[in-house]
Amino acid sequence: MRQQPKQVYRTMQGKEVDMFKLIARNELTPAVGNAKVNARGDKLGPGGKIIKQAQPETLTVPTGTGTVGQRVPTKDVSGMDPEGNE
C-alpha cells in the first residue's frame, strides 16, 4: 500500500516543519477574523462551541485499476454548463 507523502519543509534557517502535523494540531483552533469557523470548517457559536460540523469530503477509490490510494472527487459534472451558467 502506498503511503501519502509527507509534507516536510525546511525553513531558511534549517528547521523542519511538518505541515500535516501542524494542520492536525490546530484542527479545532478558531479561524482568525470574522469567519466563525475552525480549521476543519465547523461553524462555531458563542464561546467557540461547535454548532454545525462540516461535511467530510466524500472520496472514492477505484478498484481494479492499479491506482490504490488515488483520490477521485465524486462531484457529478455531467449536467453542468461548461460556461458556468446554471
N, C-alpha and C. Protein backbone atom coordinates (compact mmCIF):
# COMPACT_ATOMS: atom_id res chain seq x y z
N MET A 1 0.85 -1.17 0.00
CA MET A 1 0.00 0.00 0.00
C MET A 1 0.89 1.24 0.00
N ARG A 2 0.55 2.20 -0.84
CA ARG A 2 1.34 3.42 -0.95
C ARG A 2 0.90 4.42 0.11
N GLN A 3 1.87 4.98 0.83
CA GLN A 3 1.55 5.95 1.86
C GLN A 3 1.55 7.35 1.25
N GLN A 4 0.81 8.24 1.92
CA GLN A 4 0.75 9.62 1.49
C GLN A 4 2.10 10.28 1.76
N PRO A 5 2.65 11.02 0.80
CA PRO A 5 3.96 11.64 1.02
C PRO A 5 3.87 12.70 2.11
N LYS A 6 4.90 12.78 2.91
CA LYS A 6 4.94 13.75 3.99
C LYS A 6 5.25 15.12 3.41
N GLN A 7 4.60 16.12 3.95
CA GLN A 7 4.89 17.48 3.56
C GLN A 7 5.79 18.09 4.63
N VAL A 8 7.06 17.81 4.53
CA VAL A 8 8.03 18.35 5.47
C VAL A 8 8.84 19.38 4.72
N TYR A 9 8.78 20.61 5.18
CA TYR A 9 9.50 21.69 4.55
C TYR A 9 10.65 22.12 5.43
N ARG A 10 11.70 22.59 4.82
CA ARG A 10 12.85 23.08 5.55
C ARG A 10 12.87 24.61 5.41
N THR A 11 12.94 25.30 6.55
CA THR A 11 12.96 26.76 6.53
C THR A 11 14.34 27.25 6.12
N MET A 12 14.42 28.55 5.93
CA MET A 12 15.69 29.16 5.55
C MET A 12 16.74 28.98 6.64
N GLN A 13 16.29 28.84 7.88
CA GLN A 13 17.22 28.66 8.99
C GLN A 13 17.54 27.18 9.24
N GLY A 14 16.98 26.28 8.42
CA GLY A 14 17.30 24.86 8.52
C GLY A 14 16.36 24.06 9.39
N LYS A 15 15.31 24.68 9.94
CA LYS A 15 14.35 23.95 10.76
C LYS A 15 13.35 23.24 9.86
N GLU A 16 12.89 22.06 10.32
CA GLU A 16 11.91 21.30 9.56
C GLU A 16 10.51 21.57 10.09
N VAL A 17 9.56 21.75 9.17
CA VAL A 17 8.17 21.99 9.53
C VAL A 17 7.33 20.91 8.85
N ASP A 18 6.64 20.07 9.64
CA ASP A 18 5.76 19.02 9.13
C ASP A 18 4.36 19.61 9.01
N MET A 19 3.89 19.83 7.80
CA MET A 19 2.61 20.51 7.57
C MET A 19 1.42 19.67 8.03
N PHE A 20 1.44 18.34 7.83
CA PHE A 20 0.32 17.51 8.28
C PHE A 20 0.18 17.54 9.79
N LYS A 21 1.30 17.51 10.49
CA LYS A 21 1.29 17.56 11.94
C LYS A 21 0.76 18.92 12.42
N LEU A 22 1.16 19.99 11.75
CA LEU A 22 0.72 21.33 12.10
C LEU A 22 -0.79 21.49 11.88
N ILE A 23 -1.28 20.96 10.78
CA ILE A 23 -2.72 21.03 10.49
C ILE A 23 -3.52 20.24 11.52
N ALA A 24 -3.06 19.03 11.83
CA ALA A 24 -3.77 18.19 12.79
C ALA A 24 -3.77 18.81 14.18
N ARG A 25 -2.69 19.46 14.57
CA ARG A 25 -2.59 20.05 15.89
C ARG A 25 -3.54 21.24 16.04
N ASN A 26 -3.78 21.98 14.95
CA ASN A 26 -4.60 23.19 15.01
C ASN A 26 -5.97 23.01 14.39
N GLU A 27 -6.43 21.77 14.30
CA GLU A 27 -7.70 21.47 13.65
C GLU A 27 -8.90 22.14 14.31
N LEU A 28 -8.90 22.23 15.62
CA LEU A 28 -10.04 22.78 16.34
C LEU A 28 -9.85 24.24 16.73
N THR A 29 -8.76 24.86 16.33
CA THR A 29 -8.49 26.25 16.65
C THR A 29 -9.38 27.15 15.80
N PRO A 30 -10.07 28.13 16.43
CA PRO A 30 -10.92 29.05 15.65
C PRO A 30 -10.09 29.87 14.66
N ALA A 31 -10.69 30.15 13.52
CA ALA A 31 -10.03 30.94 12.49
C ALA A 31 -9.91 32.39 12.93
N VAL A 32 -8.91 33.09 12.43
CA VAL A 32 -8.73 34.50 12.73
C VAL A 32 -9.64 35.30 11.80
N GLY A 33 -10.31 36.28 12.33
CA GLY A 33 -11.20 37.11 11.53
C GLY A 33 -12.64 36.90 11.92
N ASN A 34 -13.54 37.23 11.02
CA ASN A 34 -14.96 37.14 11.34
C ASN A 34 -15.64 35.94 10.70
N ALA A 35 -14.90 34.92 10.34
CA ALA A 35 -15.46 33.76 9.65
C ALA A 35 -16.28 32.86 10.57
N LYS A 36 -15.96 32.81 11.87
CA LYS A 36 -16.66 31.97 12.85
C LYS A 36 -16.64 30.49 12.46
N VAL A 37 -15.49 30.02 12.02
CA VAL A 37 -15.27 28.61 11.72
C VAL A 37 -13.91 28.20 12.29
N ASN A 38 -13.69 26.89 12.39
CA ASN A 38 -12.37 26.41 12.78
C ASN A 38 -11.67 25.88 11.54
N ALA A 39 -10.49 25.30 11.72
CA ALA A 39 -9.69 24.85 10.57
C ALA A 39 -10.36 23.72 9.80
N ARG A 40 -11.23 22.94 10.43
CA ARG A 40 -11.95 21.87 9.74
C ARG A 40 -13.13 22.40 8.94
N GLY A 41 -13.59 23.61 9.26
CA GLY A 41 -14.75 24.17 8.57
C GLY A 41 -16.02 24.07 9.38
N ASP A 42 -15.92 23.63 10.66
CA ASP A 42 -17.10 23.56 11.52
C ASP A 42 -17.55 24.97 11.87
N LYS A 43 -18.87 25.20 11.88
CA LYS A 43 -19.40 26.50 12.27
C LYS A 43 -19.37 26.61 13.79
N LEU A 44 -18.88 27.74 14.28
CA LEU A 44 -18.73 27.95 15.72
C LEU A 44 -19.74 28.97 16.22
N GLY A 45 -20.19 28.76 17.44
CA GLY A 45 -21.11 29.67 18.10
C GLY A 45 -20.41 30.42 19.20
N PRO A 46 -21.18 30.98 20.14
CA PRO A 46 -20.58 31.72 21.24
C PRO A 46 -19.65 30.84 22.07
N GLY A 47 -18.50 31.37 22.43
CA GLY A 47 -17.55 30.63 23.23
C GLY A 47 -16.76 29.59 22.44
N GLY A 48 -16.88 29.57 21.13
CA GLY A 48 -16.14 28.63 20.31
C GLY A 48 -16.73 27.24 20.27
N LYS A 49 -17.98 27.09 20.70
CA LYS A 49 -18.64 25.78 20.67
C LYS A 49 -19.07 25.45 19.24
N ILE A 50 -18.92 24.18 18.86
CA ILE A 50 -19.28 23.75 17.52
C ILE A 50 -20.79 23.65 17.41
N ILE A 51 -21.37 24.44 16.48
CA ILE A 51 -22.81 24.42 16.24
C ILE A 51 -23.15 23.38 15.17
N LYS A 52 -22.42 23.43 14.06
CA LYS A 52 -22.68 22.52 12.95
C LYS A 52 -21.34 22.01 12.43
N GLN A 53 -21.21 20.68 12.37
CA GLN A 53 -19.96 20.10 11.88
C GLN A 53 -19.92 20.16 10.36
N ALA A 54 -18.72 20.35 9.84
CA ALA A 54 -18.52 20.38 8.40
C ALA A 54 -18.70 18.97 7.84
N GLN A 55 -19.18 18.88 6.62
CA GLN A 55 -19.35 17.60 5.98
C GLN A 55 -17.99 17.09 5.54
N PRO A 56 -17.66 15.84 5.82
CA PRO A 56 -16.37 15.31 5.36
C PRO A 56 -16.36 15.20 3.85
N GLU A 57 -15.20 15.41 3.25
CA GLU A 57 -15.06 15.31 1.80
C GLU A 57 -15.29 13.86 1.39
N THR A 58 -16.19 13.65 0.47
CA THR A 58 -16.51 12.30 0.02
C THR A 58 -15.59 11.92 -1.12
N LEU A 59 -14.82 10.86 -0.91
CA LEU A 59 -13.88 10.41 -1.90
C LEU A 59 -14.06 8.92 -2.16
N THR A 60 -13.79 8.51 -3.37
CA THR A 60 -13.87 7.10 -3.70
C THR A 60 -12.51 6.64 -4.23
N VAL A 61 -12.24 5.38 -4.04
CA VAL A 61 -11.01 4.79 -4.56
C VAL A 61 -11.40 3.77 -5.60
N PRO A 62 -10.96 3.96 -6.84
CA PRO A 62 -11.31 3.00 -7.88
C PRO A 62 -10.69 1.64 -7.58
N THR A 63 -11.42 0.59 -7.88
CA THR A 63 -10.91 -0.76 -7.62
C THR A 63 -10.54 -1.42 -8.93
N GLY A 64 -9.48 -2.19 -8.90
CA GLY A 64 -9.07 -2.94 -10.07
C GLY A 64 -8.34 -2.14 -11.12
N THR A 65 -8.02 -0.89 -10.85
CA THR A 65 -7.33 -0.08 -11.85
C THR A 65 -5.85 0.07 -11.56
N GLY A 66 -5.40 -0.45 -10.41
CA GLY A 66 -3.99 -0.35 -10.07
C GLY A 66 -3.62 0.98 -9.46
N THR A 67 -4.61 1.80 -9.13
CA THR A 67 -4.35 3.13 -8.56
C THR A 67 -4.86 3.18 -7.13
N VAL A 68 -4.36 2.30 -6.30
CA VAL A 68 -4.81 2.23 -4.91
C VAL A 68 -4.37 3.50 -4.20
N GLY A 69 -5.30 4.12 -3.50
CA GLY A 69 -4.98 5.31 -2.72
C GLY A 69 -5.14 6.61 -3.49
N GLN A 70 -5.50 6.55 -4.76
CA GLN A 70 -5.68 7.77 -5.52
C GLN A 70 -7.03 8.38 -5.18
N ARG A 71 -7.04 9.69 -4.94
CA ARG A 71 -8.29 10.37 -4.59
C ARG A 71 -9.01 10.79 -5.86
N VAL A 72 -10.30 10.51 -5.88
CA VAL A 72 -11.13 10.87 -7.02
C VAL A 72 -12.35 11.60 -6.48
N PRO A 73 -12.58 12.86 -6.88
CA PRO A 73 -13.76 13.57 -6.39
C PRO A 73 -15.04 12.94 -6.93
N THR A 74 -16.11 12.99 -6.14
CA THR A 74 -17.36 12.35 -6.53
C THR A 74 -18.38 13.36 -7.04
N LYS A 75 -17.98 14.59 -7.31
CA LYS A 75 -18.90 15.61 -7.80
C LYS A 75 -19.36 15.26 -9.21
N ASP A 76 -20.67 15.30 -9.44
CA ASP A 76 -21.23 14.98 -10.75
C ASP A 76 -21.26 16.25 -11.59
N VAL A 77 -20.52 16.26 -12.68
CA VAL A 77 -20.45 17.43 -13.55
C VAL A 77 -21.11 17.17 -14.89
N SER A 78 -21.83 16.05 -15.04
CA SER A 78 -22.41 15.71 -16.33
C SER A 78 -23.51 16.67 -16.76
N GLY A 79 -24.26 17.25 -15.82
CA GLY A 79 -25.34 18.15 -16.18
C GLY A 79 -24.98 19.62 -16.09
N MET A 80 -23.71 19.93 -15.91
CA MET A 80 -23.30 21.32 -15.74
C MET A 80 -22.98 21.96 -17.09
N ASP A 81 -23.25 23.25 -17.17
CA ASP A 81 -22.95 24.03 -18.36
C ASP A 81 -21.45 24.36 -18.37
N PRO A 82 -20.73 24.14 -19.47
CA PRO A 82 -19.29 24.43 -19.49
C PRO A 82 -18.96 25.90 -19.31
N GLU A 83 -19.93 26.79 -19.54
CA GLU A 83 -19.70 28.21 -19.36
C GLU A 83 -19.86 28.64 -17.92
N GLY A 84 -20.37 27.79 -17.06
CA GLY A 84 -20.56 28.11 -15.65
C GLY A 84 -21.94 28.63 -15.33
N ASN A 85 -22.82 28.74 -16.34
CA ASN A 85 -24.19 29.19 -16.09
C ASN A 85 -25.02 27.99 -15.66
N GLU A 86 -25.77 28.18 -14.61
CA GLU A 86 -26.56 27.06 -14.10
C GLU A 86 -28.01 27.20 -14.44
